[in-house]
Amino acid sequence: MWCIPPKQSAEFVAKMEDVLDVYSLPYDEKCPVICLDEKPYQLLGERKESIAIKSGSPQRIDNEYERMGTCSIFDSV
């Protein structure tokens, strides 16, 4: 999570330096460093059909949508 640390927080800085130390280690094939990120998404459906494109004008899409749930996308490096 991105956050703004409290002013003059030695504990926060020490923990941040621990993480940075891990990132700066040389690559070890038997023990690789893996970073994981998660991003939540809303799944949305169209409420109305869009109007077909006519020559010289952009496609018309309505701003109404139907909420179809949520999901999380995970990525690792």
N, C-alpha and C. Protein backbone atom coordinates (compact mmCIF):
# COMPACT_ATOMS: atom_id res chain seq x y z
N MET A 1 0.85 -1.18 0.00
CA MET A 1 0.00 0.00 0.00
C MET A 1 0.89 1.23 0.00
N TRP A 2 0.51 2.22 -0.78
CA TRP A 2 1.23 3.49 -0.76
C TRP A 2 0.70 4.31 0.40
N CYS A 3 1.60 4.91 1.15
CA CYS A 3 1.15 5.74 2.26
C CYS A 3 2.18 6.83 2.53
N ILE A 4 1.75 7.84 3.20
CA ILE A 4 2.64 8.92 3.64
C ILE A 4 2.96 8.64 5.10
N PRO A 5 4.23 8.42 5.40
CA PRO A 5 4.58 8.07 6.79
C PRO A 5 4.37 9.24 7.74
N PRO A 6 4.18 8.91 9.02
CA PRO A 6 4.11 9.98 10.02
C PRO A 6 5.43 10.75 10.04
N LYS A 7 5.36 12.01 10.37
CA LYS A 7 6.59 12.81 10.42
C LYS A 7 7.58 12.22 11.42
N GLN A 8 8.83 12.18 11.03
CA GLN A 8 9.93 11.73 11.89
C GLN A 8 9.65 10.37 12.52
N SER A 9 9.23 9.40 11.70
CA SER A 9 8.94 8.07 12.20
C SER A 9 10.13 7.15 11.93
N ALA A 10 10.95 6.96 12.94
CA ALA A 10 12.12 6.09 12.80
C ALA A 10 11.72 4.65 12.54
N GLU A 11 10.62 4.21 13.14
CA GLU A 11 10.16 2.83 12.95
C GLU A 11 9.77 2.60 11.48
N PHE A 12 9.04 3.56 10.89
CA PHE A 12 8.64 3.43 9.48
C PHE A 12 9.87 3.38 8.58
N VAL A 13 10.82 4.27 8.81
CA VAL A 13 12.03 4.32 7.98
C VAL A 13 12.82 3.03 8.10
N ALA A 14 12.93 2.48 9.31
CA ALA A 14 13.66 1.23 9.52
C ALA A 14 13.01 0.08 8.75
N LYS A 15 11.68 -0.01 8.79
CA LYS A 15 10.98 -1.07 8.06
C LYS A 15 11.11 -0.88 6.55
N MET A 16 11.06 0.38 6.09
CA MET A 16 11.23 0.65 4.67
C MET A 16 12.63 0.24 4.22
N GLU A 17 13.65 0.53 5.03
CA GLU A 17 15.02 0.14 4.69
C GLU A 17 15.18 -1.37 4.66
N ASP A 18 14.46 -2.10 5.53
CA ASP A 18 14.50 -3.57 5.49
C ASP A 18 13.99 -4.08 4.14
N VAL A 19 12.90 -3.51 3.66
CA VAL A 19 12.34 -3.92 2.37
C VAL A 19 13.32 -3.58 1.25
N LEU A 20 13.89 -2.39 1.26
CA LEU A 20 14.83 -1.99 0.22
C LEU A 20 16.07 -2.87 0.24
N ASP A 21 16.50 -3.32 1.41
CA ASP A 21 17.64 -4.24 1.51
C ASP A 21 17.34 -5.55 0.79
N VAL A 22 16.13 -6.06 0.94
CA VAL A 22 15.74 -7.30 0.26
C VAL A 22 15.78 -7.09 -1.25
N TYR A 23 15.25 -5.96 -1.73
CA TYR A 23 15.25 -5.69 -3.17
C TYR A 23 16.65 -5.56 -3.75
N SER A 24 17.61 -5.15 -2.94
CA SER A 24 18.97 -4.93 -3.45
C SER A 24 19.84 -6.19 -3.40
N LEU A 25 19.31 -7.31 -2.87
CA LEU A 25 20.09 -8.55 -2.84
C LEU A 25 20.37 -9.04 -4.25
N PRO A 26 21.54 -9.70 -4.46
CA PRO A 26 21.80 -10.27 -5.78
C PRO A 26 20.82 -11.40 -6.06
N TYR A 27 20.56 -11.67 -7.34
CA TYR A 27 19.61 -12.70 -7.73
C TYR A 27 20.08 -14.06 -7.24
N ASP A 28 19.17 -14.82 -6.62
CA ASP A 28 19.44 -16.18 -6.16
C ASP A 28 18.39 -17.09 -6.77
N GLU A 29 18.82 -17.95 -7.70
CA GLU A 29 17.90 -18.83 -8.40
C GLU A 29 17.13 -19.75 -7.45
N LYS A 30 17.75 -20.14 -6.34
CA LYS A 30 17.11 -21.05 -5.38
C LYS A 30 16.16 -20.31 -4.42
N CYS A 31 16.30 -18.99 -4.34
CA CYS A 31 15.45 -18.21 -3.43
C CYS A 31 15.17 -16.84 -4.07
N PRO A 32 14.37 -16.82 -5.15
CA PRO A 32 14.11 -15.53 -5.82
C PRO A 32 13.20 -14.63 -4.99
N VAL A 33 13.36 -13.34 -5.18
CA VAL A 33 12.47 -12.36 -4.55
C VAL A 33 11.26 -12.19 -5.47
N ILE A 34 10.07 -12.38 -4.93
CA ILE A 34 8.85 -12.27 -5.71
C ILE A 34 8.00 -11.14 -5.14
N CYS A 35 7.61 -10.21 -5.99
CA CYS A 35 6.75 -9.10 -5.59
C CYS A 35 5.34 -9.39 -6.08
N LEU A 36 4.35 -9.09 -5.28
CA LEU A 36 2.95 -9.35 -5.63
C LEU A 36 2.15 -8.08 -5.48
N ASP A 37 1.30 -7.81 -6.47
CA ASP A 37 0.44 -6.64 -6.42
C ASP A 37 -0.99 -7.08 -6.70
N GLU A 38 -1.95 -6.42 -6.06
CA GLU A 38 -3.37 -6.73 -6.23
C GLU A 38 -4.11 -5.46 -6.62
N LYS A 39 -5.04 -5.60 -7.56
CA LYS A 39 -5.86 -4.45 -7.95
C LYS A 39 -7.30 -4.91 -8.05
N PRO A 40 -8.20 -4.31 -7.28
CA PRO A 40 -9.62 -4.66 -7.38
C PRO A 40 -10.25 -3.97 -8.60
N TYR A 41 -11.20 -4.65 -9.22
CA TYR A 41 -11.92 -4.11 -10.37
C TYR A 41 -13.41 -4.33 -10.20
N GLN A 42 -14.20 -3.41 -10.73
CA GLN A 42 -15.65 -3.60 -10.83
C GLN A 42 -15.92 -4.23 -12.20
N LEU A 43 -16.81 -5.19 -12.24
CA LEU A 43 -17.22 -5.79 -13.50
C LEU A 43 -18.51 -5.10 -13.91
N LEU A 44 -18.49 -4.44 -15.06
CA LEU A 44 -19.61 -3.62 -15.51
C LEU A 44 -20.19 -4.15 -16.81
N GLY A 45 -21.50 -4.09 -16.93
CA GLY A 45 -22.19 -4.47 -18.16
C GLY A 45 -22.93 -3.28 -18.72
N GLU A 46 -23.16 -3.29 -20.02
CA GLU A 46 -23.88 -2.21 -20.69
C GLU A 46 -25.37 -2.32 -20.41
N ARG A 47 -26.03 -1.22 -20.13
CA ARG A 47 -27.48 -1.20 -19.92
C ARG A 47 -28.22 -1.02 -21.24
N LYS A 48 -27.62 -0.28 -22.16
CA LYS A 48 -28.24 0.00 -23.45
C LYS A 48 -27.22 -0.30 -24.55
N GLU A 49 -27.73 -0.71 -25.69
CA GLU A 49 -26.86 -1.00 -26.82
C GLU A 49 -26.32 0.30 -27.40
N SER A 50 -25.03 0.31 -27.78
CA SER A 50 -24.45 1.53 -28.34
C SER A 50 -25.00 1.78 -29.75
N ILE A 51 -24.92 3.03 -30.19
CA ILE A 51 -25.40 3.41 -31.52
C ILE A 51 -24.25 3.21 -32.50
N ALA A 52 -24.54 2.58 -33.60
CA ALA A 52 -23.51 2.27 -34.59
C ALA A 52 -22.79 3.53 -35.08
N ILE A 53 -21.55 3.33 -35.47
CA ILE A 53 -20.73 4.44 -35.97
C ILE A 53 -21.21 4.83 -37.37
N LYS A 54 -21.33 6.14 -37.59
CA LYS A 54 -21.63 6.67 -38.93
C LYS A 54 -20.36 7.35 -39.44
N SER A 55 -20.21 7.38 -40.70
CA SER A 55 -19.02 7.99 -41.29
C SER A 55 -18.83 9.42 -40.78
N GLY A 56 -17.64 9.69 -40.25
CA GLY A 56 -17.31 11.04 -39.79
C GLY A 56 -17.76 11.38 -38.38
N SER A 57 -18.38 10.45 -37.65
CA SER A 57 -18.79 10.75 -36.27
C SER A 57 -18.39 9.60 -35.35
N PRO A 58 -18.11 9.89 -34.08
CA PRO A 58 -17.69 8.85 -33.14
C PRO A 58 -18.85 7.95 -32.71
N GLN A 59 -18.51 6.79 -32.23
CA GLN A 59 -19.53 5.86 -31.71
C GLN A 59 -20.20 6.48 -30.49
N ARG A 60 -21.49 6.27 -30.33
CA ARG A 60 -22.25 6.80 -29.20
C ARG A 60 -22.46 5.68 -28.18
N ILE A 61 -21.98 5.91 -26.96
CA ILE A 61 -22.11 4.91 -25.89
C ILE A 61 -22.79 5.57 -24.70
N ASP A 62 -23.82 4.96 -24.16
CA ASP A 62 -24.54 5.51 -23.02
C ASP A 62 -23.69 5.37 -21.75
N ASN A 63 -23.88 6.28 -20.80
CA ASN A 63 -23.07 6.22 -19.58
C ASN A 63 -23.69 5.34 -18.49
N GLU A 64 -24.88 4.80 -18.72
CA GLU A 64 -25.47 3.90 -17.74
C GLU A 64 -24.83 2.52 -17.84
N TYR A 65 -24.64 1.90 -16.68
CA TYR A 65 -24.06 0.56 -16.68
C TYR A 65 -24.73 -0.27 -15.59
N GLU A 66 -24.54 -1.58 -15.69
CA GLU A 66 -25.06 -2.50 -14.69
C GLU A 66 -23.88 -3.11 -13.96
N ARG A 67 -23.89 -3.07 -12.65
CA ARG A 67 -22.80 -3.64 -11.86
C ARG A 67 -22.95 -5.16 -11.85
N MET A 68 -21.90 -5.83 -12.30
CA MET A 68 -21.94 -7.28 -12.45
C MET A 68 -21.08 -7.98 -11.40
N GLY A 69 -20.60 -7.24 -10.40
CA GLY A 69 -19.76 -7.83 -9.35
C GLY A 69 -18.40 -7.20 -9.32
N THR A 70 -17.51 -7.85 -8.61
CA THR A 70 -16.12 -7.37 -8.49
C THR A 70 -15.17 -8.56 -8.65
N CYS A 71 -13.92 -8.24 -8.88
CA CYS A 71 -12.87 -9.25 -8.93
C CYS A 71 -11.57 -8.58 -8.54
N SER A 72 -10.57 -9.38 -8.27
CA SER A 72 -9.23 -8.86 -7.99
C SER A 72 -8.26 -9.46 -9.00
N ILE A 73 -7.36 -8.63 -9.48
CA ILE A 73 -6.33 -9.08 -10.42
C ILE A 73 -5.01 -9.08 -9.66
N PHE A 74 -4.30 -10.19 -9.74
CA PHE A 74 -3.00 -10.32 -9.07
C PHE A 74 -1.90 -10.37 -10.11
N ASP A 75 -0.78 -9.73 -9.83
CA ASP A 75 0.36 -9.72 -10.74
C ASP A 75 1.62 -9.93 -9.90
N SER A 76 2.54 -10.68 -10.43
CA SER A 76 3.80 -10.88 -9.70
C SER A 76 4.96 -10.60 -10.63
N VAL A 77 6.07 -10.20 -10.04
CA VAL A 77 7.28 -9.89 -10.79
C VAL A 77 8.41 -10.68 -10.18
